[in-house]
């Protein structure tokens, strides 16, 4: 084990989680105020903090974004197995075999599934994409639940009839919420893949070495 401390060894994940929790907290309070403002305009009673965390407004807004992130990561992990981009730091080599393409070999320090072999190894070889797929399905389901609940809460406040899940699944509102996030995630990843061909960030593993030619794929 490195002599570096725990915080140094895990600083990237810690900082990212702190950023996420800070933004989630800010989203919660600003969303609470926004929802209560809309409720007041409709003549409905305001929600307490405890009520808001269970509201369709908060659930829909949260998981609508998580869903798109997990979809993006799942597809990116899968697509980078076989697709290439000449000159991009995000692409595997165009002509040589990478370490990640080699069949796993059991050894003393290998993960448990590698040493076990069989079905465990087959699943483990695709566990990253499977994990993102499960997280996407869970987030998609919660987004749908929250969006439906938010829609019906709006309908009730306007004294209009509510709808069922089977009716809402074909509603343009739900799919608009999804597609507006999906397209932005694919744009962000495509930007990283393409911009890393010509642009550099010294010291970042997401960048090629500063002196590497543009047309060379690491």
Protein backbone atom coordinates (compact mmCIF):
# COMPACT_ATOMS: atom_id res chain seq x y z
CA UNK A 1 0.00 0.00 0.00
CA UNK A 2 1.23 3.47 -0.88
CA UNK A 3 2.47 5.63 1.99
CA UNK A 4 0.14 8.36 0.72
CA UNK A 5 -2.86 9.00 2.98
CA UNK A 6 -6.45 7.87 2.42
CA UNK A 7 -7.58 11.28 1.19
CA UNK A 8 -4.76 11.48 -1.36
CA UNK A 9 -5.40 7.96 -2.65
CA UNK A 10 -9.14 8.62 -3.02
CA UNK A 11 -9.22 12.37 -3.64
CA UNK A 12 -10.80 12.20 -7.11
CA UNK A 13 -13.86 10.20 -6.04
CA UNK A 14 -14.20 12.15 -2.78
CA UNK A 15 -14.19 15.55 -4.51
CA UNK A 16 -16.65 14.40 -7.17
CA UNK A 17 -19.03 12.99 -4.54
CA UNK A 18 -18.79 16.23 -2.53
CA UNK A 19 -19.61 18.22 -5.68
CA UNK A 20 -22.57 15.93 -6.41
CA UNK A 21 -23.98 16.13 -2.88
CA UNK A 22 -23.53 19.91 -2.79
CA UNK A 23 -25.38 20.33 -6.09
CA UNK A 24 -28.08 17.86 -5.02
CA UNK A 25 -28.62 19.82 -1.81
CA UNK A 26 -28.82 23.09 -3.74
CA UNK A 27 -31.22 21.46 -6.22
CA UNK A 28 -33.42 20.27 -3.35
CA UNK A 29 -33.81 23.68 -1.71
CA UNK A 30 -34.17 25.66 -4.94
CA UNK A 31 -36.61 23.06 -6.28
CA UNK A 32 -38.62 23.24 -3.05
CA UNK A 33 -38.92 27.02 -3.36
CA UNK A 34 -39.79 26.78 -7.06
CA UNK A 35 -42.47 24.15 -6.50
CA UNK A 36 -44.03 26.07 -3.62
CA UNK A 37 -44.09 29.22 -5.74
CA UNK A 38 -46.00 27.34 -8.45
CA UNK A 39 -48.36 25.84 -5.87
CA UNK A 40 -49.08 29.29 -4.43
CA UNK A 41 -49.91 30.57 -7.92
CA UNK A 42 -52.46 27.74 -8.24
CA UNK A 43 -53.91 28.42 -4.81
CA UNK A 44 -52.56 25.17 -3.33
CA UNK A 45 -50.92 24.83 0.11
CA UNK A 46 -47.13 24.91 0.30
CA UNK A 47 -45.11 21.74 0.91
CA UNK A 48 -42.85 21.23 3.90
CA UNK A 49 -39.29 20.00 3.34
CA UNK A 50 -40.38 16.50 4.40
CA UNK A 51 -43.27 16.52 1.95
CA UNK A 52 -41.16 17.87 -0.90
CA UNK A 53 -38.61 15.05 -0.77
CA UNK A 54 -41.45 12.62 -1.59
CA UNK A 55 -42.98 14.87 -4.24
CA UNK A 56 -43.08 14.06 -7.92
CA UNK A 57 -41.33 17.37 -8.64
CA UNK A 58 -38.17 16.37 -6.72
CA UNK A 59 -38.14 12.69 -7.73
CA UNK A 60 -38.67 13.48 -11.41
CA UNK A 61 -36.00 16.20 -11.53
CA UNK A 62 -33.41 14.06 -9.73
CA UNK A 63 -33.75 10.78 -11.57
CA UNK A 64 -34.35 12.39 -14.96
CA UNK A 65 -30.72 13.53 -14.78
CA UNK A 66 -29.29 10.37 -13.20
CA UNK A 67 -30.96 8.28 -15.88
CA UNK A 68 -29.20 10.13 -18.71
CA UNK A 69 -25.81 9.91 -16.98
CA UNK A 70 -26.02 6.15 -16.51
CA UNK A 71 -27.26 5.64 -20.08
CA UNK A 72 -24.36 7.67 -21.40
CA UNK A 73 -21.78 5.76 -19.37
CA UNK A 74 -23.25 2.35 -20.22
CA UNK A 75 -23.20 3.02 -23.96
CA UNK A 76 -19.78 4.66 -23.82
CA UNK A 77 -18.27 1.64 -22.05
CA UNK A 78 -19.83 -0.73 -24.61
CA UNK A 79 -19.12 1.35 -27.73
CA UNK A 80 -15.45 1.88 -26.90
CA UNK A 81 -14.94 -1.89 -26.98
CA UNK A 82 -15.21 -2.02 -30.77
CA UNK A 83 -15.40 1.56 -32.10
CA UNK A 84 -12.37 3.80 -32.69
CA UNK A 85 -11.59 7.49 -33.19
CA UNK A 86 -8.27 8.27 -34.82
CA UNK A 87 -6.20 10.67 -32.73
CA UNK A 88 -8.51 10.69 -29.70
CA UNK A 89 -7.25 10.02 -26.19
CA UNK A 90 -10.58 8.28 -25.54
CA UNK A 91 -10.03 5.61 -28.21
CA UNK A 92 -8.14 2.35 -28.17
CA UNK A 93 -5.32 1.88 -30.67
CA UNK A 94 -6.40 1.49 -34.28
CA UNK A 95 -4.13 -1.46 -35.03
CA UNK A 96 -2.65 -3.10 -31.92
CA UNK A 97 -4.13 -5.24 -29.19
CA UNK A 98 -4.72 -3.50 -25.88
CA UNK A 99 -4.28 -5.04 -22.43
CA UNK A 100 -8.05 -4.74 -21.90
CA UNK A 101 -8.62 -7.04 -24.90
CA UNK A 102 -6.56 -9.90 -23.51
CA UNK A 103 -8.24 -12.86 -21.82
CA UNK A 104 -7.92 -12.68 -18.02
CA UNK A 105 -5.34 -14.96 -16.40
CA UNK A 106 -5.87 -16.13 -12.78
CA UNK A 107 -3.11 -15.08 -10.37
CA UNK A 108 -2.73 -14.46 -6.65
CA UNK A 109 -3.89 -10.84 -6.74
CA UNK A 110 -6.61 -11.28 -9.38
CA UNK A 111 -10.25 -10.47 -8.46
CA UNK A 112 -12.23 -13.34 -6.96
CA UNK A 113 -14.30 -13.92 -10.09
CA UNK A 114 -11.18 -14.33 -12.25
CA UNK A 115 -9.82 -17.03 -9.95
CA UNK A 116 -13.24 -18.71 -9.73
CA UNK A 117 -13.81 -18.80 -13.49
CA UNK A 118 -16.92 -20.21 -15.18
CA UNK A 119 -20.14 -18.20 -15.14
CA UNK A 120 -18.73 -15.84 -12.51
CA UNK A 121 -15.93 -14.80 -14.84
CA UNK A 122 -18.31 -14.42 -17.80
CA UNK A 123 -20.48 -12.05 -15.80
CA UNK A 124 -17.51 -10.21 -14.28
CA UNK A 125 -16.03 -9.54 -17.73
CA UNK A 126 -19.08 -7.38 -18.46
CA UNK A 127 -19.87 -6.25 -14.92
CA UNK A 128 -19.13 -2.58 -15.56
CA UNK A 129 -21.64 -2.21 -18.39
CA UNK A 130 -24.14 -4.41 -16.51
CA UNK A 131 -23.87 -2.20 -13.42
CA UNK A 132 -24.52 0.94 -15.47
CA UNK A 133 -27.42 -0.80 -17.24
CA UNK A 134 -29.04 -1.68 -13.90
CA UNK A 135 -28.52 1.85 -12.58
CA UNK A 136 -30.06 3.23 -15.78
CA UNK A 137 -33.13 0.98 -15.51
CA UNK A 138 -33.64 1.90 -11.84
CA UNK A 139 -33.21 5.62 -12.55
CA UNK A 140 -35.46 5.45 -15.62
CA UNK A 141 -38.17 3.75 -13.56
CA UNK A 142 -37.91 6.32 -10.76
CA UNK A 143 -37.92 9.16 -13.29
CA UNK A 144 -41.10 7.75 -14.80
CA UNK A 145 -42.69 7.34 -11.37
CA UNK A 146 -41.74 10.87 -10.31
CA UNK A 147 -42.82 12.42 -13.60
CA UNK A 148 -46.19 10.67 -13.48
CA UNK A 149 -46.68 11.70 -9.85
CA UNK A 150 -45.74 15.30 -10.63
CA UNK A 151 -48.13 15.39 -13.60
CA UNK A 152 -51.01 14.01 -11.56
CA UNK A 153 -50.27 16.40 -8.68
CA UNK A 154 -50.54 19.26 -11.18
CA UNK A 155 -53.79 17.83 -12.52
CA UNK A 156 -55.26 17.59 -9.02
CA UNK A 157 -54.26 21.19 -8.21
CA UNK A 158 -56.06 22.28 -11.40
CA UNK A 159 -59.06 20.05 -10.58
CA UNK A 160 -58.50 17.99 -13.72
CA UNK A 161 -58.58 14.17 -14.10
CA UNK A 162 -55.42 12.16 -13.41
CA UNK A 163 -54.00 9.48 -15.73
CA UNK A 164 -52.56 5.99 -15.28
CA UNK A 165 -49.00 4.81 -15.88
CA UNK A 166 -50.03 3.01 -19.08
CA UNK A 167 -51.44 6.27 -20.42
CA UNK A 168 -48.49 8.38 -19.35
CA UNK A 169 -45.81 6.13 -20.87
CA UNK A 170 -46.86 7.36 -24.32
CA UNK A 171 -47.18 10.99 -23.28
CA UNK A 172 -44.84 13.42 -25.05
CA UNK A 173 -44.03 15.22 -21.77
CA UNK A 174 -42.25 12.20 -20.28
CA UNK A 175 -40.22 11.47 -23.40
CA UNK A 176 -39.35 15.16 -23.84
CA UNK A 177 -37.85 15.10 -20.33
CA UNK A 178 -35.75 12.06 -21.27
CA UNK A 179 -34.59 13.10 -24.75
CA UNK A 180 -33.56 16.59 -23.70
CA UNK A 181 -31.10 15.03 -21.24
CA UNK A 182 -29.97 12.13 -23.41
CA UNK A 183 -28.92 14.37 -26.30
CA UNK A 184 -26.88 16.64 -24.01
CA UNK A 185 -25.00 13.67 -22.53
CA UNK A 186 -24.09 12.29 -25.95
CA UNK A 187 -22.98 15.77 -27.02
CA UNK A 188 -20.71 16.05 -23.97
CA UNK A 189 -19.05 12.68 -24.62
CA UNK A 190 -18.69 13.34 -28.34
CA UNK A 191 -17.07 16.70 -27.48
CA UNK A 192 -14.50 15.00 -25.24
CA UNK A 193 -13.72 12.35 -27.85
CA UNK A 194 -13.30 14.87 -30.67
CA UNK A 195 -11.66 17.78 -28.82
CA UNK A 196 -9.02 15.47 -27.31
CA UNK A 197 -7.70 14.89 -30.85
CA UNK A 198 -6.32 18.45 -31.05
CA UNK A 199 -6.47 19.90 -27.52
CA UNK A 200 -4.42 18.94 -24.45
CA UNK A 201 -4.49 19.22 -20.66
CA UNK A 202 -1.07 18.55 -19.15
CA UNK A 203 -1.26 15.98 -16.38
CA UNK A 204 -4.78 14.70 -17.14
CA UNK A 205 -5.28 11.03 -18.10
CA UNK A 206 -8.14 12.21 -20.32
CA UNK A 207 -5.62 14.01 -22.54
CA UNK A 208 -2.84 12.82 -24.83
CA UNK A 209 0.71 13.95 -23.99
CA UNK A 210 1.10 17.59 -24.96
CA UNK A 211 3.76 16.80 -27.59
CA UNK A 212 1.91 13.88 -29.22
CA UNK A 213 0.90 14.45 -32.88
CA UNK A 214 -2.80 15.13 -33.52
CA UNK A 215 -3.24 12.12 -35.78
CA UNK A 216 -1.66 9.64 -33.35
CA UNK A 217 -3.98 7.47 -31.27
CA UNK A 218 -2.47 6.59 -27.85
